[in-house]
Amino acid sequence: MPTLERLRADHAEALLAFERENRAWFARTVADRGDAYFAHFADRLDALLAEQEAGVCHFHVVRGDGGEIAARVNLVDVTDGSAELGYRVAERYAGRGLATASVRELCRTAAEQYGLRALTATADEDNLASRRVLERCGFTVTGRFLLDGRPVVGHHRALEGN
């Protein structure tokens, strides 16, 4: 059973492997992180951990059956009881329900551990799988707009009553 873990420094090697192995897969539906992300990965991880420590973000990894990182699910821009949800799932785990299970677990965690009351998320308009995950997890569509030049669908979910 995959497990959700709060991001820690000792995830570095496995996280970098996850990002490298799935780079082309992710780039099919979200903007590529770019070569600098990989060249300066240790610095980037340190910055993420500092943001997490400051309470402005909550980063998580999802361990797969073999202990490898199978997904990431993150809450960013935490403010006034709300945050933006983002997630990515390794290609080999796609279509197996991992995204839905991970997002559901993070919604519960967001309410119970982080005291959040609402989440927002966006998905590329043509990324039907990601949009379905959000809908299965109780998010409702709030509108369509351009984000970094890409058409996206905005979503919202209240967390009261989790």
N, C-alpha and C. Protein backbone atom coordinates (compact mmCIF):
# COMPACT_ATOMS: atom_id res chain seq x y z
N MET A 1 0.84 -1.18 0.00
CA MET A 1 0.00 0.00 0.00
C MET A 1 0.88 1.25 0.00
N PRO A 2 0.72 2.13 -0.99
CA PRO A 2 1.51 3.36 -1.02
C PRO A 2 1.23 4.24 0.20
N THR A 3 2.26 4.96 0.64
CA THR A 3 2.12 5.79 1.83
C THR A 3 2.57 7.22 1.54
N LEU A 4 1.85 8.17 2.13
CA LEU A 4 2.13 9.60 2.02
C LEU A 4 3.13 9.97 3.12
N GLU A 5 4.21 10.65 2.73
CA GLU A 5 5.22 11.10 3.69
C GLU A 5 5.52 12.57 3.46
N ARG A 6 5.66 13.30 4.54
CA ARG A 6 6.06 14.71 4.44
C ARG A 6 7.50 14.75 3.91
N LEU A 7 7.77 15.67 2.97
CA LEU A 7 9.09 15.75 2.36
C LEU A 7 10.16 16.01 3.41
N ARG A 8 11.26 15.26 3.31
CA ARG A 8 12.41 15.40 4.20
C ARG A 8 13.69 15.41 3.37
N ALA A 9 14.77 15.85 3.97
CA ALA A 9 16.06 15.91 3.27
C ALA A 9 16.52 14.53 2.82
N ASP A 10 16.19 13.49 3.59
CA ASP A 10 16.65 12.16 3.20
C ASP A 10 15.87 11.57 2.02
N HIS A 11 14.90 12.29 1.48
CA HIS A 11 14.20 11.88 0.26
C HIS A 11 14.98 12.30 -0.99
N ALA A 12 16.04 13.06 -0.83
CA ALA A 12 16.72 13.71 -1.96
C ALA A 12 17.06 12.76 -3.10
N GLU A 13 17.74 11.68 -2.83
CA GLU A 13 18.18 10.77 -3.89
C GLU A 13 16.99 10.15 -4.63
N ALA A 14 16.03 9.66 -3.88
CA ALA A 14 14.86 9.03 -4.49
C ALA A 14 14.01 10.05 -5.24
N LEU A 15 13.92 11.26 -4.72
CA LEU A 15 13.14 12.31 -5.38
C LEU A 15 13.78 12.73 -6.69
N LEU A 16 15.09 12.88 -6.69
CA LEU A 16 15.79 13.22 -7.93
C LEU A 16 15.62 12.12 -8.96
N ALA A 17 15.71 10.87 -8.55
CA ALA A 17 15.50 9.76 -9.47
C ALA A 17 14.08 9.79 -10.04
N PHE A 18 13.10 10.04 -9.21
CA PHE A 18 11.70 10.15 -9.64
C PHE A 18 11.55 11.24 -10.70
N GLU A 19 12.11 12.40 -10.44
CA GLU A 19 11.97 13.52 -11.37
C GLU A 19 12.70 13.24 -12.69
N ARG A 20 13.88 12.67 -12.61
CA ARG A 20 14.64 12.36 -13.84
C ARG A 20 13.95 11.29 -14.67
N GLU A 21 13.56 10.21 -14.03
CA GLU A 21 12.95 9.08 -14.74
C GLU A 21 11.63 9.44 -15.41
N ASN A 22 10.93 10.42 -14.86
CA ASN A 22 9.61 10.77 -15.37
C ASN A 22 9.56 12.13 -16.06
N ARG A 23 10.69 12.72 -16.31
CA ARG A 23 10.73 14.08 -16.88
C ARG A 23 9.93 14.17 -18.18
N ALA A 24 10.18 13.30 -19.12
CA ALA A 24 9.46 13.36 -20.41
C ALA A 24 7.97 13.10 -20.21
N TRP A 25 7.62 12.19 -19.34
CA TRP A 25 6.22 11.87 -19.04
C TRP A 25 5.51 13.10 -18.48
N PHE A 26 6.12 13.77 -17.51
CA PHE A 26 5.51 14.95 -16.92
C PHE A 26 5.37 16.07 -17.94
N ALA A 27 6.37 16.23 -18.80
CA ALA A 27 6.36 17.33 -19.78
C ALA A 27 5.22 17.21 -20.79
N ARG A 28 4.60 16.07 -20.85
CA ARG A 28 3.46 15.89 -21.76
C ARG A 28 2.24 16.67 -21.27
N THR A 29 2.16 16.94 -19.96
CA THR A 29 0.96 17.59 -19.43
C THR A 29 1.23 18.83 -18.58
N VAL A 30 2.46 19.07 -18.18
CA VAL A 30 2.81 20.27 -17.41
C VAL A 30 4.13 20.82 -17.94
N ALA A 31 4.37 22.09 -17.68
CA ALA A 31 5.60 22.71 -18.15
C ALA A 31 6.82 21.97 -17.58
N ASP A 32 7.82 21.76 -18.43
CA ASP A 32 9.05 21.09 -18.01
C ASP A 32 9.77 21.95 -16.97
N ARG A 33 10.41 21.30 -16.02
CA ARG A 33 11.12 22.02 -14.97
C ARG A 33 12.40 22.69 -15.48
N GLY A 34 12.93 22.21 -16.58
CA GLY A 34 14.13 22.80 -17.15
C GLY A 34 15.39 22.17 -16.60
N ASP A 35 16.47 22.30 -17.34
CA ASP A 35 17.76 21.70 -16.95
C ASP A 35 18.30 22.26 -15.64
N ALA A 36 18.04 23.53 -15.35
CA ALA A 36 18.57 24.15 -14.13
C ALA A 36 18.01 23.46 -12.89
N TYR A 37 16.77 23.00 -12.96
CA TYR A 37 16.16 22.29 -11.82
C TYR A 37 17.01 21.09 -11.43
N PHE A 38 17.47 20.34 -12.43
CA PHE A 38 18.26 19.13 -12.17
C PHE A 38 19.69 19.47 -11.81
N ALA A 39 20.24 20.49 -12.44
CA ALA A 39 21.63 20.89 -12.16
C ALA A 39 21.79 21.43 -10.74
N HIS A 40 20.74 22.04 -10.22
CA HIS A 40 20.81 22.65 -8.88
C HIS A 40 19.78 22.02 -7.94
N PHE A 41 19.58 20.73 -8.11
CA PHE A 41 18.53 20.04 -7.36
C PHE A 41 18.72 20.16 -5.85
N ALA A 42 19.93 20.00 -5.35
CA ALA A 42 20.15 20.06 -3.90
C ALA A 42 19.76 21.43 -3.34
N ASP A 43 20.12 22.49 -4.05
CA ASP A 43 19.74 23.84 -3.61
C ASP A 43 18.23 24.01 -3.65
N ARG A 44 17.59 23.49 -4.68
CA ARG A 44 16.14 23.60 -4.82
C ARG A 44 15.45 22.85 -3.67
N LEU A 45 15.94 21.66 -3.35
CA LEU A 45 15.35 20.90 -2.25
C LEU A 45 15.52 21.65 -0.94
N ASP A 46 16.68 22.22 -0.70
CA ASP A 46 16.89 23.01 0.52
C ASP A 46 15.88 24.17 0.61
N ALA A 47 15.63 24.82 -0.53
CA ALA A 47 14.68 25.93 -0.56
C ALA A 47 13.26 25.44 -0.25
N LEU A 48 12.90 24.29 -0.81
CA LEU A 48 11.57 23.73 -0.54
C LEU A 48 11.41 23.40 0.94
N LEU A 49 12.43 22.80 1.51
CA LEU A 49 12.37 22.44 2.94
C LEU A 49 12.28 23.68 3.82
N ALA A 50 12.95 24.76 3.41
CA ALA A 50 12.87 26.02 4.16
C ALA A 50 11.45 26.61 4.07
N GLU A 51 10.85 26.54 2.89
CA GLU A 51 9.46 27.01 2.73
C GLU A 51 8.52 26.18 3.60
N GLN A 52 8.76 24.89 3.63
CA GLN A 52 7.93 24.00 4.44
C GLN A 52 8.08 24.33 5.92
N GLU A 53 9.30 24.54 6.34
CA GLU A 53 9.56 24.88 7.74
C GLU A 53 8.87 26.20 8.12
N ALA A 54 8.81 27.13 7.17
CA ALA A 54 8.16 28.42 7.41
C ALA A 54 6.63 28.31 7.39
N GLY A 55 6.10 27.17 6.95
CA GLY A 55 4.67 26.94 6.95
C GLY A 55 3.93 27.50 5.75
N VAL A 56 4.65 27.93 4.72
CA VAL A 56 3.99 28.47 3.53
C VAL A 56 3.70 27.40 2.49
N CYS A 57 4.26 26.22 2.68
CA CYS A 57 4.04 25.09 1.79
C CYS A 57 4.11 23.79 2.59
N HIS A 58 3.48 22.76 2.05
CA HIS A 58 3.55 21.42 2.63
C HIS A 58 3.80 20.46 1.48
N PHE A 59 4.99 19.90 1.44
CA PHE A 59 5.39 19.01 0.35
C PHE A 59 5.36 17.56 0.82
N HIS A 60 4.95 16.66 -0.08
CA HIS A 60 4.83 15.25 0.26
C HIS A 60 5.30 14.37 -0.88
N VAL A 61 5.78 13.21 -0.52
CA VAL A 61 6.06 12.16 -1.50
C VAL A 61 5.16 10.98 -1.16
N VAL A 62 4.90 10.18 -2.17
CA VAL A 62 4.12 8.96 -1.98
C VAL A 62 5.04 7.81 -2.37
N ARG A 63 5.26 6.93 -1.42
CA ARG A 63 6.12 5.77 -1.66
C ARG A 63 5.30 4.68 -2.35
N GLY A 64 5.91 4.06 -3.35
CA GLY A 64 5.27 2.95 -4.04
C GLY A 64 5.49 1.64 -3.32
N ASP A 65 5.03 0.59 -3.94
CA ASP A 65 5.11 -0.74 -3.34
C ASP A 65 6.53 -1.18 -3.02
N GLY A 66 7.49 -0.75 -3.85
CA GLY A 66 8.89 -1.12 -3.63
C GLY A 66 9.69 -0.11 -2.84
N GLY A 67 9.01 0.91 -2.29
CA GLY A 67 9.68 1.94 -1.51
C GLY A 67 10.15 3.13 -2.32
N GLU A 68 10.07 3.03 -3.65
CA GLU A 68 10.47 4.15 -4.50
C GLU A 68 9.41 5.25 -4.43
N ILE A 69 9.77 6.45 -4.86
CA ILE A 69 8.79 7.52 -4.91
C ILE A 69 7.92 7.30 -6.15
N ALA A 70 6.63 7.20 -5.91
CA ALA A 70 5.67 6.94 -6.97
C ALA A 70 4.90 8.20 -7.36
N ALA A 71 4.87 9.18 -6.45
CA ALA A 71 4.13 10.41 -6.72
C ALA A 71 4.58 11.51 -5.76
N ARG A 72 4.22 12.72 -6.13
CA ARG A 72 4.37 13.88 -5.26
C ARG A 72 3.01 14.53 -5.15
N VAL A 73 2.66 14.98 -3.97
CA VAL A 73 1.44 15.77 -3.76
C VAL A 73 1.81 16.91 -2.83
N ASN A 74 1.53 18.13 -3.27
CA ASN A 74 2.01 19.30 -2.56
C ASN A 74 0.92 20.33 -2.34
N LEU A 75 1.07 21.07 -1.28
CA LEU A 75 0.22 22.22 -1.00
C LEU A 75 1.13 23.44 -0.96
N VAL A 76 0.87 24.40 -1.84
CA VAL A 76 1.71 25.59 -1.91
C VAL A 76 0.87 26.84 -1.68
N ASP A 77 1.57 27.92 -1.42
CA ASP A 77 0.93 29.22 -1.19
C ASP A 77 -0.13 29.14 -0.10
N VAL A 78 0.24 28.56 1.02
CA VAL A 78 -0.67 28.45 2.16
C VAL A 78 -0.89 29.84 2.74
N THR A 79 -2.15 30.25 2.77
CA THR A 79 -2.50 31.54 3.35
C THR A 79 -3.98 31.57 3.71
N ASP A 80 -4.30 32.15 4.83
CA ASP A 80 -5.69 32.34 5.26
C ASP A 80 -6.51 31.05 5.19
N GLY A 81 -5.94 29.93 5.59
CA GLY A 81 -6.67 28.68 5.64
C GLY A 81 -6.87 27.99 4.31
N SER A 82 -6.13 28.43 3.29
CA SER A 82 -6.28 27.86 1.95
C SER A 82 -4.90 27.57 1.37
N ALA A 83 -4.85 26.70 0.38
CA ALA A 83 -3.61 26.39 -0.31
C ALA A 83 -3.93 25.87 -1.70
N GLU A 84 -2.92 25.87 -2.55
CA GLU A 84 -3.07 25.31 -3.89
C GLU A 84 -2.47 23.92 -3.92
N LEU A 85 -3.24 22.97 -4.43
CA LEU A 85 -2.82 21.58 -4.55
C LEU A 85 -2.14 21.34 -5.89
N GLY A 86 -1.06 20.60 -5.86
CA GLY A 86 -0.41 20.15 -7.09
C GLY A 86 0.06 18.72 -6.90
N TYR A 87 0.07 17.95 -7.97
CA TYR A 87 0.52 16.56 -7.84
C TYR A 87 1.04 16.07 -9.17
N ARG A 88 1.87 15.04 -9.09
CA ARG A 88 2.39 14.35 -10.27
C ARG A 88 2.65 12.91 -9.89
N VAL A 89 2.34 12.01 -10.81
CA VAL A 89 2.45 10.57 -10.57
C VAL A 89 3.40 9.97 -11.60
N ALA A 90 4.28 9.10 -11.15
CA ALA A 90 5.21 8.41 -12.05
C ALA A 90 4.44 7.67 -13.13
N GLU A 91 5.03 7.60 -14.31
CA GLU A 91 4.37 6.96 -15.44
C GLU A 91 3.96 5.53 -15.14
N ARG A 92 4.82 4.79 -14.46
CA ARG A 92 4.50 3.38 -14.21
C ARG A 92 3.35 3.18 -13.23
N TYR A 93 2.97 4.25 -12.50
CA TYR A 93 1.85 4.18 -11.57
C TYR A 93 0.58 4.83 -12.12
N ALA A 94 0.66 5.41 -13.29
CA ALA A 94 -0.49 6.10 -13.88
C ALA A 94 -1.61 5.11 -14.16
N GLY A 95 -2.83 5.55 -13.96
CA GLY A 95 -3.99 4.73 -14.26
C GLY A 95 -4.30 3.65 -13.25
N ARG A 96 -3.64 3.71 -12.09
CA ARG A 96 -3.84 2.67 -11.07
C ARG A 96 -4.54 3.20 -9.82
N GLY A 97 -5.06 4.42 -9.88
CA GLY A 97 -5.78 4.99 -8.74
C GLY A 97 -4.90 5.67 -7.71
N LEU A 98 -3.59 5.73 -7.96
CA LEU A 98 -2.68 6.33 -6.99
C LEU A 98 -2.93 7.82 -6.83
N ALA A 99 -3.17 8.54 -7.91
CA ALA A 99 -3.40 9.97 -7.81
C ALA A 99 -4.65 10.25 -6.97
N THR A 100 -5.72 9.54 -7.25
CA THR A 100 -6.96 9.75 -6.50
C THR A 100 -6.75 9.45 -5.02
N ALA A 101 -6.14 8.33 -4.71
CA ALA A 101 -5.91 7.96 -3.30
C ALA A 101 -5.00 8.98 -2.61
N SER A 102 -3.98 9.44 -3.31
CA SER A 102 -3.03 10.39 -2.72
C SER A 102 -3.68 11.75 -2.49
N VAL A 103 -4.46 12.22 -3.46
CA VAL A 103 -5.14 13.51 -3.30
C VAL A 103 -6.16 13.43 -2.16
N ARG A 104 -6.90 12.35 -2.09
CA ARG A 104 -7.86 12.19 -0.99
C ARG A 104 -7.15 12.23 0.37
N GLU A 105 -6.04 11.51 0.46
CA GLU A 105 -5.29 11.49 1.72
C GLU A 105 -4.74 12.87 2.06
N LEU A 106 -4.26 13.58 1.05
CA LEU A 106 -3.73 14.92 1.32
C LEU A 106 -4.84 15.89 1.71
N CYS A 107 -6.03 15.74 1.15
CA CYS A 107 -7.16 16.58 1.57
C CYS A 107 -7.46 16.36 3.05
N ARG A 108 -7.46 15.10 3.46
CA ARG A 108 -7.69 14.78 4.88
C ARG A 108 -6.58 15.38 5.74
N THR A 109 -5.34 15.19 5.32
CA THR A 109 -4.19 15.71 6.05
C THR A 109 -4.23 17.23 6.12
N ALA A 110 -4.60 17.87 5.03
CA ALA A 110 -4.67 19.33 4.98
C ALA A 110 -5.63 19.87 6.03
N ALA A 111 -6.77 19.21 6.17
CA ALA A 111 -7.75 19.65 7.15
C ALA A 111 -7.34 19.30 8.58
N GLU A 112 -6.94 18.06 8.79
CA GLU A 112 -6.69 17.57 10.14
C GLU A 112 -5.35 18.02 10.72
N GLN A 113 -4.30 18.02 9.92
CA GLN A 113 -2.97 18.35 10.44
C GLN A 113 -2.56 19.80 10.21
N TYR A 114 -3.00 20.37 9.08
CA TYR A 114 -2.56 21.72 8.74
C TYR A 114 -3.63 22.76 8.99
N GLY A 115 -4.83 22.34 9.37
CA GLY A 115 -5.90 23.27 9.68
C GLY A 115 -6.43 24.06 8.50
N LEU A 116 -6.26 23.54 7.30
CA LEU A 116 -6.75 24.25 6.12
C LEU A 116 -8.24 24.02 5.95
N ARG A 117 -8.90 25.01 5.35
CA ARG A 117 -10.35 24.95 5.14
C ARG A 117 -10.73 24.81 3.67
N ALA A 118 -9.78 25.11 2.76
CA ALA A 118 -10.10 25.04 1.33
C ALA A 118 -8.83 24.82 0.52
N LEU A 119 -9.01 24.16 -0.63
CA LEU A 119 -7.91 23.95 -1.57
C LEU A 119 -8.34 24.38 -2.95
N THR A 120 -7.39 24.86 -3.72
CA THR A 120 -7.60 25.14 -5.13
C THR A 120 -6.63 24.28 -5.93
N ALA A 121 -6.92 24.09 -7.20
CA ALA A 121 -6.04 23.32 -8.07
C ALA A 121 -6.34 23.71 -9.51
N THR A 122 -5.36 23.52 -10.37
CA THR A 122 -5.58 23.69 -11.80
C THR A 122 -5.10 22.43 -12.51
N ALA A 123 -5.71 22.18 -13.66
CA ALA A 123 -5.28 21.07 -14.51
C ALA A 123 -5.37 21.56 -15.95
N ASP A 124 -4.39 21.19 -16.75
CA ASP A 124 -4.46 21.55 -18.16
C ASP A 124 -5.80 21.11 -18.72
N GLU A 125 -6.37 21.94 -19.56
CA GLU A 125 -7.70 21.65 -20.09
C GLU A 125 -7.77 20.28 -20.78
N ASP A 126 -6.69 19.89 -21.47
CA ASP A 126 -6.71 18.61 -22.17
C ASP A 126 -6.22 17.44 -21.32
N ASN A 127 -5.92 17.67 -20.04
CA ASN A 127 -5.48 16.60 -19.15
C ASN A 127 -6.71 16.04 -18.42
N LEU A 128 -7.47 15.24 -19.15
CA LEU A 128 -8.72 14.71 -18.61
C LEU A 128 -8.51 13.83 -17.39
N ALA A 129 -7.43 13.07 -17.37
CA ALA A 129 -7.16 12.19 -16.22
C ALA A 129 -7.00 13.01 -14.94
N SER A 130 -6.24 14.08 -15.00
CA SER A 130 -6.03 14.92 -13.82
C SER A 130 -7.32 15.61 -13.40
N ARG A 131 -8.09 16.05 -14.36
CA ARG A 131 -9.37 16.69 -14.04
C ARG A 131 -10.32 15.70 -13.38
N ARG A 132 -10.31 14.46 -13.83
CA ARG A 132 -11.17 13.43 -13.22
C ARG A 132 -10.74 13.14 -11.78
N VAL A 133 -9.44 13.11 -11.54
CA VAL A 133 -8.95 12.90 -10.17
C VAL A 133 -9.52 13.98 -9.26
N LEU A 134 -9.42 15.22 -9.69
CA LEU A 134 -9.91 16.32 -8.87
C LEU A 134 -11.41 16.18 -8.62
N GLU A 135 -12.16 15.87 -9.65
CA GLU A 135 -13.60 15.72 -9.49
C GLU A 135 -13.95 14.56 -8.55
N ARG A 136 -13.24 13.42 -8.67
CA ARG A 136 -13.49 12.28 -7.78
C ARG A 136 -13.17 12.63 -6.33
N CYS A 137 -12.28 13.59 -6.15
CA CYS A 137 -11.86 13.97 -4.79
C CYS A 137 -12.65 15.16 -4.25
N GLY A 138 -13.75 15.50 -4.91
CA GLY A 138 -14.65 16.52 -4.37
C GLY A 138 -14.38 17.94 -4.81
N PHE A 139 -13.51 18.15 -5.76
CA PHE A 139 -13.26 19.49 -6.29
C PHE A 139 -14.32 19.84 -7.32
N THR A 140 -14.69 21.10 -7.38
CA THR A 140 -15.62 21.58 -8.38
C THR A 140 -14.91 22.57 -9.30
N VAL A 141 -15.35 22.63 -10.52
CA VAL A 141 -14.76 23.53 -11.51
C VAL A 141 -15.16 24.96 -11.19
N THR A 142 -14.16 25.86 -11.22
CA THR A 142 -14.41 27.28 -10.95
C THR A 142 -14.27 28.13 -12.20
N GLY A 143 -13.66 27.59 -13.25
CA GLY A 143 -13.53 28.35 -14.48
C GLY A 143 -12.35 27.88 -15.31
N ARG A 144 -12.24 28.50 -16.48
CA ARG A 144 -11.16 28.19 -17.41
C ARG A 144 -10.39 29.48 -17.67
N PHE A 145 -9.05 29.36 -17.76
CA PHE A 145 -8.22 30.54 -18.01
C PHE A 145 -6.87 30.08 -18.54
N LEU A 146 -6.01 31.04 -18.87
CA LEU A 146 -4.66 30.72 -19.33
C LEU A 146 -3.70 30.82 -18.16
N LEU A 147 -2.82 29.86 -18.06
CA LEU A 147 -1.76 29.85 -17.05
C LEU A 147 -0.46 29.56 -17.78
N ASP A 148 0.45 30.49 -17.75
CA ASP A 148 1.71 30.36 -18.50
C ASP A 148 1.44 30.04 -19.96
N GLY A 149 0.38 30.64 -20.51
CA GLY A 149 0.05 30.45 -21.91
C GLY A 149 -0.71 29.18 -22.24
N ARG A 150 -0.98 28.35 -21.24
CA ARG A 150 -1.70 27.09 -21.45
C ARG A 150 -3.12 27.22 -20.94
N PRO A 151 -4.11 26.69 -21.67
CA PRO A 151 -5.48 26.71 -21.15
C PRO A 151 -5.62 25.69 -20.02
N VAL A 152 -6.12 26.16 -18.89
CA VAL A 152 -6.29 25.30 -17.72
C VAL A 152 -7.70 25.43 -17.17
N VAL A 153 -8.08 24.46 -16.36
CA VAL A 153 -9.36 24.46 -15.67
C VAL A 153 -9.08 24.62 -14.18
N GLY A 154 -9.68 25.65 -13.58
CA GLY A 154 -9.53 25.88 -12.14
C GLY A 154 -10.53 25.07 -11.35
N HIS A 155 -10.11 24.64 -10.15
CA HIS A 155 -10.95 23.82 -9.28
C HIS A 155 -10.87 24.34 -7.84
N HIS A 156 -11.88 24.02 -7.05
CA HIS A 156 -11.93 24.41 -5.64
C HIS A 156 -12.57 23.28 -4.83
N ARG A 157 -12.10 23.12 -3.61
CA ARG A 157 -12.72 22.17 -2.68
C ARG A 157 -12.69 22.75 -1.27
N ALA A 158 -13.85 22.80 -0.63
CA ALA A 158 -13.92 23.14 0.78
C ALA A 158 -13.56 21.90 1.57
N LEU A 159 -12.87 22.09 2.68
CA LEU A 159 -12.41 20.95 3.48
C LEU A 159 -13.23 20.74 4.75
N GLU A 160 -14.16 21.60 5.05
CA GLU A 160 -15.00 21.40 6.23
C GLU A 160 -15.73 20.07 6.10
N GLY A 161 -15.82 19.37 7.21
CA GLY A 161 -16.58 18.12 7.24
C GLY A 161 -15.80 16.92 6.74
N ASN A 162 -14.47 17.02 6.63
CA ASN A 162 -13.67 15.87 6.19
C ASN A 162 -13.74 14.75 7.18
